[in-house]
């Protein structure tokens, strides 16, 4: 026990001394590599300050929201699996024709915003587009999953109604549909699409209906 205490104590002393020198130890296959502390922190990705971003691009602050299919009112589509149904964390939008009749149909951004991610997550997600929106001094994120063709890139600014993708079937795993999520906690990871815990997630249909502000001409 005493030996263990000395080893632990020595370790923390070493860390303290190293920190004072502005350096730290990084293990490298049994060898000790000394690097400056600021070199480690500078290499870490820095979170985007979205409020600052939208302040510099005020035309992309959201003035209201529409549905992502059959814009603006989801004409020709129905919500096949609603928010919280079977612990679903979003809405599944299907064409009225059923099956894969909506495969390749356009998906539109629900509002003005910034494309924060475009990624193929494979598995049950497939191609995903995520867009951050600022609306009434709050941040939201919309997520569009199972996409077929992607028509935007990370870092793009988009207007409400712009086509961002087409409806897919996740490489044949499902019948074609759009899985839409809206989150008021924009730092959440991709998640699983289903959970009884809904903190950070909003009912997409309710959110859109509550924020159908008159669209302005741009």
N, C-alpha and C. Protein backbone atom coordinates (compact mmCIF):
# COMPACT_ATOMS: atom_id res chain seq x y z
N UNK A 1 0.84 -1.20 0.00
CA UNK A 1 0.00 0.00 0.00
C UNK A 1 0.87 1.25 0.00
N UNK A 2 1.94 1.25 0.81
CA UNK A 2 2.82 2.42 0.86
C UNK A 2 3.52 2.62 -0.47
N UNK A 3 3.96 1.51 -1.09
CA UNK A 3 4.64 1.60 -2.37
C UNK A 3 3.69 2.18 -3.42
N UNK A 4 2.46 1.70 -3.39
CA UNK A 4 1.45 2.18 -4.34
C UNK A 4 1.23 3.69 -4.16
N UNK A 5 1.17 4.13 -2.90
CA UNK A 5 0.98 5.56 -2.63
C UNK A 5 2.13 6.37 -3.19
N UNK A 6 3.35 5.88 -3.02
CA UNK A 6 4.51 6.62 -3.51
C UNK A 6 4.48 6.73 -5.03
N UNK A 7 4.07 5.65 -5.69
CA UNK A 7 4.03 5.66 -7.15
C UNK A 7 3.00 6.67 -7.64
N UNK A 8 1.80 6.63 -7.02
CA UNK A 8 0.74 7.56 -7.41
C UNK A 8 1.15 8.99 -7.13
N UNK A 9 1.74 9.21 -5.92
CA UNK A 9 2.17 10.56 -5.54
C UNK A 9 3.22 11.08 -6.52
N UNK A 10 4.18 10.20 -6.88
CA UNK A 10 5.23 10.60 -7.80
C UNK A 10 4.66 10.96 -9.16
N UNK A 11 3.64 10.20 -9.58
CA UNK A 11 3.00 10.46 -10.88
C UNK A 11 2.39 11.85 -10.92
N UNK A 12 1.65 12.21 -9.85
CA UNK A 12 1.02 13.52 -9.82
C UNK A 12 2.03 14.65 -9.70
N UNK A 13 3.13 14.39 -8.97
CA UNK A 13 4.19 15.38 -8.89
C UNK A 13 4.78 15.62 -10.27
N UNK A 14 5.00 14.52 -11.02
CA UNK A 14 5.56 14.62 -12.36
C UNK A 14 4.64 15.41 -13.26
N UNK A 15 3.33 15.14 -13.18
CA UNK A 15 2.37 15.86 -14.00
C UNK A 15 2.37 17.34 -13.66
N UNK A 16 2.43 17.64 -12.35
CA UNK A 16 2.42 19.03 -11.91
C UNK A 16 3.64 19.77 -12.42
N UNK A 17 4.80 19.13 -12.30
CA UNK A 17 6.04 19.75 -12.76
C UNK A 17 5.98 19.95 -14.27
N UNK A 18 5.48 18.91 -14.98
CA UNK A 18 5.41 18.99 -16.43
C UNK A 18 4.50 20.11 -16.86
N UNK A 19 3.36 20.26 -16.15
CA UNK A 19 2.42 21.31 -16.50
C UNK A 19 3.03 22.68 -16.30
N UNK A 20 3.83 22.82 -15.24
CA UNK A 20 4.47 24.10 -14.99
C UNK A 20 5.43 24.45 -16.12
N UNK A 21 6.06 23.42 -16.71
CA UNK A 21 6.98 23.66 -17.81
C UNK A 21 6.25 23.83 -19.13
N UNK A 22 4.90 23.67 -19.11
CA UNK A 22 4.14 23.80 -20.35
C UNK A 22 4.27 22.58 -21.23
N UNK A 23 4.63 21.44 -20.64
CA UNK A 23 4.80 20.22 -21.41
C UNK A 23 4.03 19.08 -20.74
N UNK A 24 3.78 18.03 -21.50
CA UNK A 24 3.14 16.85 -20.94
C UNK A 24 3.68 15.62 -21.64
N UNK A 25 3.50 14.44 -21.02
CA UNK A 25 3.99 13.20 -21.58
C UNK A 25 2.88 12.50 -22.35
N UNK A 26 3.18 12.01 -23.54
CA UNK A 26 2.25 11.24 -24.34
C UNK A 26 2.86 9.87 -24.57
N UNK A 27 2.21 8.77 -24.11
CA UNK A 27 2.75 7.43 -24.35
C UNK A 27 2.81 7.13 -25.84
N UNK A 28 3.88 6.50 -26.28
CA UNK A 28 4.03 6.14 -27.69
C UNK A 28 4.77 4.82 -27.79
N UNK A 29 3.99 3.71 -27.72
CA UNK A 29 4.55 2.36 -27.85
C UNK A 29 5.69 2.14 -26.87
N UNK A 30 5.44 2.46 -25.60
CA UNK A 30 6.43 2.21 -24.56
C UNK A 30 7.44 3.32 -24.38
N UNK A 31 7.42 4.30 -25.27
CA UNK A 31 8.34 5.42 -25.16
C UNK A 31 7.61 6.66 -24.67
N UNK A 32 8.34 7.55 -24.06
CA UNK A 32 7.75 8.80 -23.59
C UNK A 32 8.08 9.91 -24.57
N UNK A 33 7.03 10.57 -25.04
CA UNK A 33 7.19 11.68 -25.98
C UNK A 33 6.73 12.95 -25.29
N UNK A 34 7.61 13.94 -25.25
CA UNK A 34 7.26 15.20 -24.61
C UNK A 34 6.73 16.16 -25.67
N UNK A 35 5.56 16.73 -25.40
CA UNK A 35 4.99 17.72 -26.31
C UNK A 35 4.51 18.91 -25.48
N UNK A 36 4.43 20.06 -26.09
CA UNK A 36 3.93 21.24 -25.39
C UNK A 36 2.42 21.10 -25.21
N UNK A 37 1.91 21.52 -24.05
CA UNK A 37 0.49 21.40 -23.74
C UNK A 37 -0.36 22.11 -24.78
N UNK A 38 0.06 23.30 -25.20
CA UNK A 38 -0.76 24.04 -26.16
C UNK A 38 -0.80 23.37 -27.52
N UNK A 39 0.19 22.52 -27.83
CA UNK A 39 0.17 21.78 -29.09
C UNK A 39 -0.92 20.73 -29.06
N UNK A 40 -1.19 20.16 -27.88
CA UNK A 40 -2.26 19.16 -27.75
C UNK A 40 -3.61 19.83 -27.86
N UNK A 41 -3.82 20.92 -27.11
CA UNK A 41 -5.12 21.59 -27.11
C UNK A 41 -5.42 22.25 -28.45
N UNK A 42 -4.39 22.77 -29.11
CA UNK A 42 -4.60 23.43 -30.39
C UNK A 42 -5.04 22.45 -31.47
N UNK A 43 -4.70 21.16 -31.30
CA UNK A 43 -5.04 20.16 -32.30
C UNK A 43 -6.47 19.65 -32.15
N UNK A 44 -7.12 19.96 -31.02
CA UNK A 44 -8.47 19.50 -30.80
C UNK A 44 -9.46 20.35 -31.59
N UNK A 45 -10.51 19.71 -32.17
CA UNK A 45 -11.50 20.51 -32.92
C UNK A 45 -12.24 21.46 -31.99
N UNK A 46 -12.42 22.69 -32.42
CA UNK A 46 -13.11 23.69 -31.61
C UNK A 46 -14.58 23.74 -32.02
N UNK A 47 -15.50 23.75 -31.05
CA UNK A 47 -16.92 23.83 -31.39
C UNK A 47 -17.25 25.13 -32.10
N UNK A 48 -18.20 25.05 -33.01
CA UNK A 48 -18.62 26.24 -33.76
C UNK A 48 -19.50 27.11 -32.88
N UNK A 49 -19.24 28.39 -32.88
CA UNK A 49 -20.10 29.35 -32.20
C UNK A 49 -21.20 29.73 -33.20
N UNK A 50 -22.34 29.03 -33.13
CA UNK A 50 -23.38 29.23 -34.14
C UNK A 50 -24.02 30.60 -34.04
N UNK A 51 -24.14 31.13 -32.85
CA UNK A 51 -24.72 32.47 -32.72
C UNK A 51 -23.83 33.50 -33.45
N UNK A 52 -22.53 33.35 -33.32
CA UNK A 52 -21.60 34.23 -34.01
C UNK A 52 -21.69 34.01 -35.51
N UNK A 53 -21.80 32.74 -35.90
CA UNK A 53 -21.91 32.40 -37.31
C UNK A 53 -23.13 33.05 -37.96
N UNK A 54 -24.29 32.92 -37.28
CA UNK A 54 -25.51 33.50 -37.84
C UNK A 54 -25.52 35.03 -37.75
N UNK A 55 -24.82 35.56 -36.78
CA UNK A 55 -24.72 37.02 -36.68
C UNK A 55 -24.01 37.59 -37.91
N UNK A 56 -23.04 36.83 -38.42
CA UNK A 56 -22.31 37.28 -39.61
C UNK A 56 -23.04 36.91 -40.90
N UNK A 57 -24.09 36.08 -40.80
CA UNK A 57 -24.90 35.71 -41.96
C UNK A 57 -26.38 35.81 -41.58
N UNK A 58 -26.86 37.02 -41.28
CA UNK A 58 -28.22 37.19 -40.75
C UNK A 58 -29.32 36.76 -41.71
N UNK A 59 -29.04 36.71 -43.02
CA UNK A 59 -30.07 36.28 -43.97
C UNK A 59 -30.44 34.81 -43.79
N UNK A 60 -29.61 34.07 -43.05
CA UNK A 60 -29.86 32.63 -42.87
C UNK A 60 -30.41 32.30 -41.49
N UNK A 61 -30.76 33.32 -40.72
CA UNK A 61 -31.51 33.09 -39.48
C UNK A 61 -32.93 32.67 -39.87
N UNK A 62 -33.45 31.65 -39.23
CA UNK A 62 -34.75 31.09 -39.62
C UNK A 62 -35.89 32.06 -39.31
N UNK A 63 -36.74 32.27 -40.31
CA UNK A 63 -37.91 33.12 -40.14
C UNK A 63 -39.18 32.28 -40.05
N UNK A 64 -39.04 30.97 -40.01
CA UNK A 64 -40.18 30.06 -39.93
C UNK A 64 -39.81 28.73 -40.55
N UNK A 65 -40.71 27.76 -40.46
CA UNK A 65 -40.40 26.41 -40.91
C UNK A 65 -41.55 25.82 -41.72
N UNK A 66 -41.18 24.98 -42.69
CA UNK A 66 -42.13 24.22 -43.49
C UNK A 66 -41.79 22.74 -43.40
N UNK A 67 -42.67 21.91 -43.92
CA UNK A 67 -42.39 20.48 -43.94
C UNK A 67 -41.33 20.17 -45.00
N UNK A 68 -40.58 19.10 -44.81
CA UNK A 68 -39.45 18.82 -45.71
C UNK A 68 -39.85 18.13 -47.01
N UNK A 69 -41.09 17.66 -47.10
CA UNK A 69 -41.58 16.98 -48.31
C UNK A 69 -42.91 17.60 -48.71
N UNK A 70 -43.23 17.53 -50.00
CA UNK A 70 -44.48 18.11 -50.46
C UNK A 70 -44.64 19.54 -50.01
N UNK A 71 -43.56 20.33 -50.11
CA UNK A 71 -43.53 21.67 -49.50
C UNK A 71 -44.64 22.56 -50.06
N UNK A 72 -45.17 23.42 -49.18
CA UNK A 72 -44.75 23.61 -47.78
C UNK A 72 -45.53 22.77 -46.77
N UNK A 73 -46.59 22.06 -47.23
CA UNK A 73 -47.53 21.44 -46.28
C UNK A 73 -47.57 19.92 -46.32
N UNK A 74 -46.52 19.29 -46.87
CA UNK A 74 -46.43 17.83 -46.94
C UNK A 74 -47.52 17.22 -47.82
N UNK A 75 -47.95 17.96 -48.85
CA UNK A 75 -48.97 17.45 -49.76
C UNK A 75 -48.44 16.22 -50.50
N UNK A 76 -49.23 15.15 -50.48
CA UNK A 76 -48.84 13.92 -51.15
C UNK A 76 -48.07 12.96 -50.26
N UNK A 77 -47.94 13.29 -48.98
CA UNK A 77 -47.19 12.46 -48.04
C UNK A 77 -47.98 12.27 -46.75
N UNK A 78 -47.62 11.25 -46.00
CA UNK A 78 -48.23 11.03 -44.70
C UNK A 78 -47.17 10.61 -43.70
N UNK A 79 -47.44 10.88 -42.44
CA UNK A 79 -46.52 10.57 -41.35
C UNK A 79 -46.77 9.13 -40.92
N UNK A 80 -45.92 8.21 -41.40
CA UNK A 80 -46.15 6.78 -41.19
C UNK A 80 -45.78 6.32 -39.78
N UNK A 81 -44.86 6.99 -39.14
CA UNK A 81 -44.49 6.64 -37.76
C UNK A 81 -44.15 7.93 -37.03
N UNK A 82 -45.05 8.34 -36.17
CA UNK A 82 -44.94 9.64 -35.53
C UNK A 82 -43.96 9.63 -34.36
N UNK A 83 -43.63 10.84 -33.94
CA UNK A 83 -42.76 11.04 -32.79
C UNK A 83 -43.33 10.32 -31.56
N UNK A 84 -42.49 9.58 -30.87
CA UNK A 84 -42.79 8.81 -29.66
C UNK A 84 -43.53 7.49 -29.95
N UNK A 85 -44.04 7.31 -31.14
CA UNK A 85 -44.70 6.04 -31.47
C UNK A 85 -43.63 4.96 -31.52
N UNK A 86 -43.79 3.91 -30.71
CA UNK A 86 -42.77 2.86 -30.59
C UNK A 86 -41.41 3.42 -30.17
N UNK A 87 -41.44 4.48 -29.35
CA UNK A 87 -40.23 5.16 -28.88
C UNK A 87 -39.45 5.83 -30.02
N UNK A 88 -40.15 6.17 -31.07
CA UNK A 88 -39.53 6.82 -32.23
C UNK A 88 -39.16 8.25 -31.89
N UNK A 89 -37.96 8.66 -32.28
CA UNK A 89 -37.47 10.00 -31.94
C UNK A 89 -37.68 11.02 -33.06
N UNK A 90 -38.41 10.62 -34.09
CA UNK A 90 -38.67 11.54 -35.19
C UNK A 90 -39.98 11.21 -35.86
N UNK A 91 -40.14 11.70 -37.08
CA UNK A 91 -41.29 11.39 -37.93
C UNK A 91 -40.78 10.68 -39.17
N UNK A 92 -41.52 9.69 -39.66
CA UNK A 92 -41.20 9.01 -40.91
C UNK A 92 -42.19 9.44 -41.98
N UNK A 93 -41.69 10.16 -42.99
CA UNK A 93 -42.55 10.66 -44.05
C UNK A 93 -42.51 9.74 -45.27
N UNK A 94 -43.69 9.24 -45.65
CA UNK A 94 -43.85 8.35 -46.79
C UNK A 94 -44.78 8.97 -47.82
N UNK A 95 -44.53 8.64 -49.10
CA UNK A 95 -45.44 9.07 -50.14
C UNK A 95 -46.76 8.30 -50.06
N UNK A 96 -47.84 8.94 -50.48
CA UNK A 96 -49.17 8.31 -50.41
C UNK A 96 -49.27 7.06 -51.27
N UNK A 97 -48.39 6.93 -52.26
CA UNK A 97 -48.43 5.75 -53.12
C UNK A 97 -47.91 4.49 -52.46
N UNK A 98 -47.23 4.64 -51.32
CA UNK A 98 -46.71 3.49 -50.60
C UNK A 98 -45.50 2.86 -51.28
N UNK A 99 -44.96 1.82 -50.63
CA UNK A 99 -43.80 1.12 -51.17
C UNK A 99 -42.64 2.06 -51.43
N UNK A 100 -42.02 1.90 -52.59
CA UNK A 100 -40.90 2.75 -52.97
C UNK A 100 -41.30 3.81 -53.99
N UNK A 101 -42.59 4.15 -54.01
CA UNK A 101 -43.05 5.14 -54.99
C UNK A 101 -42.45 6.52 -54.76
N UNK A 102 -41.99 6.78 -53.54
CA UNK A 102 -41.38 8.09 -53.26
C UNK A 102 -39.85 8.07 -53.34
N UNK A 103 -39.28 6.95 -53.77
CA UNK A 103 -37.83 6.85 -53.90
C UNK A 103 -37.34 7.91 -54.90
N UNK A 104 -36.41 8.74 -54.45
CA UNK A 104 -35.87 9.78 -55.32
C UNK A 104 -36.61 11.10 -55.26
N UNK A 105 -37.70 11.15 -54.47
CA UNK A 105 -38.44 12.40 -54.33
C UNK A 105 -37.58 13.43 -53.57
N UNK A 106 -37.82 14.72 -53.82
CA UNK A 106 -36.99 15.75 -53.18
C UNK A 106 -37.23 15.91 -51.68
N UNK A 107 -36.16 16.18 -50.97
CA UNK A 107 -36.18 16.54 -49.55
C UNK A 107 -35.71 17.98 -49.47
N UNK A 108 -36.43 18.80 -48.72
CA UNK A 108 -36.12 20.22 -48.62
C UNK A 108 -35.76 20.59 -47.18
N UNK A 109 -34.92 21.59 -47.04
CA UNK A 109 -34.60 22.10 -45.71
C UNK A 109 -35.86 22.72 -45.10
N UNK A 110 -36.12 22.39 -43.84
CA UNK A 110 -37.33 22.92 -43.20
C UNK A 110 -37.23 24.41 -42.92
N UNK A 111 -36.01 24.94 -42.90
CA UNK A 111 -35.85 26.37 -42.61
C UNK A 111 -34.48 26.86 -43.02
N UNK A 112 -34.26 28.15 -42.93
CA UNK A 112 -32.93 28.72 -43.17
C UNK A 112 -31.96 28.12 -42.16
N UNK A 113 -30.73 27.90 -42.59
CA UNK A 113 -29.77 27.36 -41.64
C UNK A 113 -28.41 27.09 -42.24
N UNK A 114 -27.63 26.35 -41.47
CA UNK A 114 -26.24 26.03 -41.80
C UNK A 114 -26.07 24.52 -41.79
N UNK A 115 -25.54 23.96 -42.86
CA UNK A 115 -25.35 22.51 -42.95
C UNK A 115 -24.16 22.12 -42.09
N UNK A 116 -24.45 21.48 -40.97
CA UNK A 116 -23.39 21.15 -40.01
C UNK A 116 -22.77 19.78 -40.27
N UNK A 117 -23.49 18.91 -40.96
CA UNK A 117 -22.93 17.57 -41.23
C UNK A 117 -23.60 16.93 -42.43
N UNK A 118 -22.79 16.30 -43.26
CA UNK A 118 -23.25 15.41 -44.32
C UNK A 118 -22.39 14.16 -44.21
N UNK A 119 -23.04 13.03 -43.91
CA UNK A 119 -22.24 11.83 -43.63
C UNK A 119 -23.03 10.56 -43.92
N UNK A 120 -22.34 9.55 -44.43
CA UNK A 120 -22.92 8.22 -44.59
C UNK A 120 -22.59 7.43 -43.32
N UNK A 121 -23.61 7.22 -42.49
CA UNK A 121 -23.41 6.49 -41.24
C UNK A 121 -23.55 4.99 -41.42
N UNK A 122 -23.87 4.56 -42.65
CA UNK A 122 -24.08 3.14 -42.91
C UNK A 122 -25.16 2.56 -41.99
N UNK A 123 -25.16 1.26 -41.77
CA UNK A 123 -26.12 0.64 -40.86
C UNK A 123 -27.54 1.08 -41.15
N UNK A 124 -28.28 1.36 -40.09
CA UNK A 124 -29.67 1.74 -40.22
C UNK A 124 -29.90 3.20 -40.52
N UNK A 125 -28.83 3.98 -40.59
CA UNK A 125 -28.97 5.41 -40.84
C UNK A 125 -28.79 5.76 -42.31
N UNK A 126 -27.77 5.20 -42.94
CA UNK A 126 -27.46 5.58 -44.31
C UNK A 126 -26.97 7.02 -44.38
N UNK A 127 -27.26 7.67 -45.50
CA UNK A 127 -26.83 9.06 -45.70
C UNK A 127 -27.67 10.01 -44.85
N UNK A 128 -26.97 10.88 -44.13
CA UNK A 128 -27.63 11.81 -43.20
C UNK A 128 -27.17 13.24 -43.47
N UNK A 129 -28.12 14.15 -43.46
CA UNK A 129 -27.82 15.59 -43.52
C UNK A 129 -28.33 16.20 -42.22
N UNK A 130 -27.49 17.04 -41.59
CA UNK A 130 -27.91 17.76 -40.40
C UNK A 130 -27.74 19.26 -40.62
N UNK A 131 -28.75 20.02 -40.22
CA UNK A 131 -28.76 21.47 -40.42
C UNK A 131 -29.06 22.16 -39.09
N UNK A 132 -28.24 23.15 -38.74
CA UNK A 132 -28.47 23.95 -37.53
C UNK A 132 -29.25 25.20 -37.91
N UNK A 133 -30.27 25.51 -37.12
CA UNK A 133 -31.11 26.68 -37.34
C UNK A 133 -31.08 27.58 -36.11
N UNK A 134 -31.04 28.88 -36.33
CA UNK A 134 -31.28 29.84 -35.24
C UNK A 134 -32.66 30.44 -35.46
N UNK A 135 -33.51 30.35 -34.45
CA UNK A 135 -34.87 30.87 -34.55
C UNK A 135 -35.27 31.46 -33.21
N UNK A 136 -35.64 32.72 -33.22
CA UNK A 136 -36.05 33.41 -32.01
C UNK A 136 -34.99 33.25 -30.90
N UNK A 137 -33.74 33.46 -31.29
CA UNK A 137 -32.60 33.44 -30.37
C UNK A 137 -32.35 32.08 -29.72
N UNK A 138 -32.83 31.02 -30.34
CA UNK A 138 -32.54 29.67 -29.89
C UNK A 138 -31.98 28.86 -31.04
N UNK A 139 -31.22 27.81 -30.72
CA UNK A 139 -30.64 26.95 -31.73
C UNK A 139 -31.38 25.62 -31.78
N UNK A 140 -31.60 25.15 -33.00
CA UNK A 140 -32.24 23.85 -33.24
C UNK A 140 -31.45 23.13 -34.32
N UNK A 141 -31.63 21.82 -34.36
CA UNK A 141 -30.99 21.04 -35.41
C UNK A 141 -32.03 20.13 -36.05
N UNK A 142 -32.06 20.13 -37.38
CA UNK A 142 -32.91 19.19 -38.11
C UNK A 142 -32.03 18.11 -38.73
N UNK A 143 -32.52 16.88 -38.67
CA UNK A 143 -31.76 15.74 -39.17
C UNK A 143 -32.61 14.99 -40.19
N UNK A 144 -32.02 14.70 -41.35
CA UNK A 144 -32.70 14.05 -42.46
C UNK A 144 -31.94 12.76 -42.77
N UNK A 145 -32.58 11.61 -42.58
CA UNK A 145 -31.87 10.33 -42.68
C UNK A 145 -32.41 9.45 -43.80
N UNK A 146 -31.62 8.45 -44.17
CA UNK A 146 -31.90 7.45 -45.21
C UNK A 146 -31.91 8.08 -46.60
N UNK A 147 -31.18 9.18 -46.76
CA UNK A 147 -31.20 9.90 -48.05
C UNK A 147 -30.55 9.06 -49.15
N UNK A 148 -31.00 9.31 -50.37
CA UNK A 148 -30.41 8.67 -51.55
C UNK A 148 -29.30 9.57 -52.10
N UNK A 149 -29.67 10.61 -52.79
CA UNK A 149 -28.70 11.57 -53.33
C UNK A 149 -28.61 12.79 -52.41
N UNK A 150 -27.38 13.24 -52.12
CA UNK A 150 -27.17 14.43 -51.31
C UNK A 150 -26.83 15.60 -52.23
N UNK A 151 -27.44 16.75 -51.96
CA UNK A 151 -27.26 17.91 -52.84
C UNK A 151 -26.65 19.11 -52.14
N UNK A 152 -26.13 18.93 -50.93
CA UNK A 152 -25.45 20.00 -50.20
C UNK A 152 -24.17 19.44 -49.61
N UNK A 153 -23.33 20.34 -49.13
CA UNK A 153 -22.07 19.96 -48.49
C UNK A 153 -21.99 20.60 -47.11
N UNK A 154 -21.19 20.04 -46.24
CA UNK A 154 -20.95 20.65 -44.94
C UNK A 154 -20.43 22.06 -45.13
N UNK A 155 -20.96 22.99 -44.35
CA UNK A 155 -20.54 24.38 -44.44
C UNK A 155 -21.41 25.23 -45.34
N UNK A 156 -22.36 24.59 -46.05
CA UNK A 156 -23.28 25.36 -46.89
C UNK A 156 -24.31 26.10 -46.03
N UNK A 157 -24.74 27.25 -46.51
CA UNK A 157 -25.88 27.95 -45.94
C UNK A 157 -27.08 27.67 -46.84
N UNK A 158 -28.22 27.40 -46.25
CA UNK A 158 -29.40 27.05 -47.04
C UNK A 158 -30.59 27.90 -46.61
N UNK A 159 -31.50 28.08 -47.56
CA UNK A 159 -32.75 28.77 -47.30
C UNK A 159 -33.87 27.76 -47.12
N UNK A 160 -34.90 28.19 -46.46
CA UNK A 160 -36.08 27.34 -46.28
C UNK A 160 -36.62 26.92 -47.65
N UNK A 161 -36.85 25.62 -47.80
CA UNK A 161 -37.39 25.10 -49.05
C UNK A 161 -36.35 24.66 -50.06
N UNK A 162 -35.08 24.92 -49.80
CA UNK A 162 -34.05 24.48 -50.74
C UNK A 162 -33.96 22.95 -50.73
N UNK A 163 -33.85 22.36 -51.91
CA UNK A 163 -33.67 20.91 -51.96
C UNK A 163 -32.27 20.56 -51.48
N UNK A 164 -32.20 19.65 -50.52
CA UNK A 164 -30.92 19.25 -49.96
C UNK A 164 -30.56 17.81 -50.27
N UNK A 165 -31.57 16.99 -50.65
CA UNK A 165 -31.33 15.57 -50.87
C UNK A 165 -32.55 14.95 -51.55
N UNK A 166 -32.48 13.65 -51.77
CA UNK A 166 -33.64 12.90 -52.25
C UNK A 166 -33.93 11.75 -51.30
N UNK A 167 -35.17 11.32 -51.30
CA UNK A 167 -35.59 10.23 -50.41
C UNK A 167 -34.95 8.91 -50.84
N UNK A 168 -34.43 8.19 -49.87
CA UNK A 168 -33.79 6.91 -50.14
C UNK A 168 -34.40 5.79 -49.33
N UNK A 169 -33.81 4.61 -49.47
CA UNK A 169 -34.29 3.45 -48.72
C UNK A 169 -33.16 2.77 -47.94
N UNK A 170 -32.11 3.56 -47.66
CA UNK A 170 -30.98 3.06 -46.86
C UNK A 170 -30.40 1.79 -47.48
N UNK A 171 -30.09 1.90 -48.77
CA UNK A 171 -29.50 0.77 -49.50
C UNK A 171 -30.37 -0.48 -49.45
N UNK A 172 -31.68 -0.26 -49.52
CA UNK A 172 -32.61 -1.38 -49.59
C UNK A 172 -33.02 -1.97 -48.25
N UNK A 173 -32.57 -1.37 -47.15
CA UNK A 173 -32.93 -1.91 -45.84
C UNK A 173 -34.40 -1.66 -45.50
N UNK A 174 -34.96 -0.56 -46.02
CA UNK A 174 -36.34 -0.20 -45.74
C UNK A 174 -37.04 0.14 -47.05
N UNK A 175 -38.36 0.26 -46.98
CA UNK A 175 -39.08 0.93 -48.06
C UNK A 175 -38.74 2.41 -47.96
N UNK A 176 -38.69 3.07 -49.10
CA UNK A 176 -38.24 4.46 -49.14
C UNK A 176 -39.08 5.36 -48.23
N UNK A 177 -38.42 6.20 -47.47
CA UNK A 177 -39.07 7.20 -46.63
C UNK A 177 -38.02 8.15 -46.08
N UNK A 178 -38.47 9.27 -45.56
CA UNK A 178 -37.59 10.23 -44.89
C UNK A 178 -37.80 10.14 -43.39
N UNK A 179 -36.72 9.91 -42.66
CA UNK A 179 -36.74 9.98 -41.19
C UNK A 179 -36.27 11.38 -40.82
N UNK A 180 -37.16 12.15 -40.20
CA UNK A 180 -36.87 13.53 -39.82
C UNK A 180 -36.85 13.66 -38.30
N UNK A 181 -35.78 14.25 -37.77
CA UNK A 181 -35.72 14.59 -36.35
C UNK A 181 -35.47 16.08 -36.20
N UNK A 182 -35.98 16.64 -35.11
CA UNK A 182 -35.66 18.03 -34.74
C UNK A 182 -35.23 18.01 -33.28
N UNK A 183 -34.10 18.63 -33.03
CA UNK A 183 -33.51 18.60 -31.69
C UNK A 183 -33.29 20.03 -31.18
N UNK A 184 -33.55 20.22 -29.90
CA UNK A 184 -33.21 21.51 -29.30
C UNK A 184 -31.95 21.40 -28.45
N UNK A 185 -31.30 20.25 -28.52
CA UNK A 185 -29.97 20.06 -27.94
C UNK A 185 -29.07 19.67 -29.11
N UNK A 186 -28.39 20.66 -29.68
CA UNK A 186 -27.72 20.43 -30.95
C UNK A 186 -26.41 19.67 -30.82
N UNK A 187 -25.96 19.40 -29.60
CA UNK A 187 -24.69 18.69 -29.41
C UNK A 187 -24.87 17.18 -29.28
N UNK A 188 -26.12 16.70 -29.34
CA UNK A 188 -26.35 15.26 -29.25
C UNK A 188 -25.67 14.54 -30.40
N UNK A 189 -25.17 13.31 -30.12
CA UNK A 189 -24.60 12.52 -31.21
C UNK A 189 -25.72 11.92 -32.05
N UNK A 190 -25.38 11.13 -33.04
CA UNK A 190 -26.37 10.63 -33.98
C UNK A 190 -27.48 9.83 -33.29
N UNK A 191 -27.14 9.09 -32.24
CA UNK A 191 -28.17 8.34 -31.52
C UNK A 191 -28.63 7.11 -32.28
N UNK A 192 -29.76 6.56 -31.84
CA UNK A 192 -30.25 5.32 -32.44
C UNK A 192 -31.58 5.45 -33.14
N UNK A 193 -32.19 6.63 -33.09
CA UNK A 193 -33.47 6.82 -33.75
C UNK A 193 -34.67 6.42 -32.92
N UNK A 194 -34.44 5.61 -31.89
CA UNK A 194 -35.50 5.14 -31.00
C UNK A 194 -35.00 5.21 -29.56
N UNK A 195 -35.83 5.70 -28.67
CA UNK A 195 -35.50 5.70 -27.25
C UNK A 195 -36.70 6.20 -26.46
N UNK A 196 -36.93 5.64 -25.27
CA UNK A 196 -38.00 6.19 -24.42
C UNK A 196 -37.60 7.53 -23.81
N UNK A 197 -36.32 7.85 -23.86
CA UNK A 197 -35.82 9.11 -23.33
C UNK A 197 -35.81 10.13 -24.47
N UNK A 198 -36.63 11.16 -24.34
CA UNK A 198 -36.78 12.12 -25.44
C UNK A 198 -36.19 13.49 -25.13
N UNK A 199 -35.45 13.62 -24.05
CA UNK A 199 -34.84 14.91 -23.72
C UNK A 199 -33.91 15.33 -24.84
N UNK A 200 -34.07 16.54 -25.31
CA UNK A 200 -33.25 17.05 -26.40
C UNK A 200 -33.88 16.89 -27.77
N UNK A 201 -34.99 16.13 -27.82
CA UNK A 201 -35.70 15.89 -29.08
C UNK A 201 -37.08 16.57 -29.03
N UNK A 202 -37.51 17.06 -30.17
CA UNK A 202 -38.82 17.70 -30.26
C UNK A 202 -39.71 16.93 -31.23
N UNK A 203 -41.01 17.06 -31.05
CA UNK A 203 -41.97 16.50 -32.00
C UNK A 203 -41.86 17.33 -33.28
N UNK A 204 -41.35 16.74 -34.38
CA UNK A 204 -41.12 17.53 -35.59
C UNK A 204 -42.37 18.20 -36.14
N UNK A 205 -43.47 17.46 -36.22
CA UNK A 205 -44.70 18.03 -36.77
C UNK A 205 -45.21 19.16 -35.90
N UNK A 206 -45.20 18.96 -34.59
CA UNK A 206 -45.67 20.00 -33.67
C UNK A 206 -44.79 21.24 -33.76
N UNK A 207 -43.48 21.02 -33.83
CA UNK A 207 -42.55 22.15 -33.92
C UNK A 207 -42.80 22.97 -35.18
N UNK A 208 -42.95 22.29 -36.31
CA UNK A 208 -43.18 23.00 -37.57
C UNK A 208 -44.51 23.73 -37.53
N UNK A 209 -45.54 23.07 -37.05
CA UNK A 209 -46.86 23.70 -36.99
C UNK A 209 -46.85 24.93 -36.06
N UNK A 210 -46.06 24.88 -35.02
CA UNK A 210 -46.00 25.99 -34.07
C UNK A 210 -45.16 27.16 -34.58
N UNK A 211 -44.42 26.92 -35.65
CA UNK A 211 -43.48 27.94 -36.14
C UNK A 211 -43.63 28.18 -37.64
N UNK A 212 -44.89 28.24 -38.09
CA UNK A 212 -45.16 28.48 -39.51
C UNK A 212 -45.19 29.97 -39.81
N UNK A 213 -44.14 30.68 -39.41
CA UNK A 213 -44.06 32.11 -39.65
C UNK A 213 -44.13 32.39 -41.15
N UNK A 214 -44.76 33.51 -41.51
CA UNK A 214 -44.89 33.88 -42.91
C UNK A 214 -43.51 33.92 -43.58
N UNK A 215 -43.40 33.22 -44.71
CA UNK A 215 -42.13 33.20 -45.43
C UNK A 215 -41.90 34.53 -46.11
N UNK A 216 -40.68 35.04 -45.98
CA UNK A 216 -40.35 36.31 -46.59
C UNK A 216 -39.66 36.08 -47.94
N UNK A 217 -39.74 37.06 -48.82
CA UNK A 217 -39.09 36.97 -50.11
C UNK A 217 -37.62 37.37 -49.97
N UNK A 218 -36.73 36.53 -50.49
CA UNK A 218 -35.31 36.82 -50.40
C UNK A 218 -34.71 36.90 -51.80
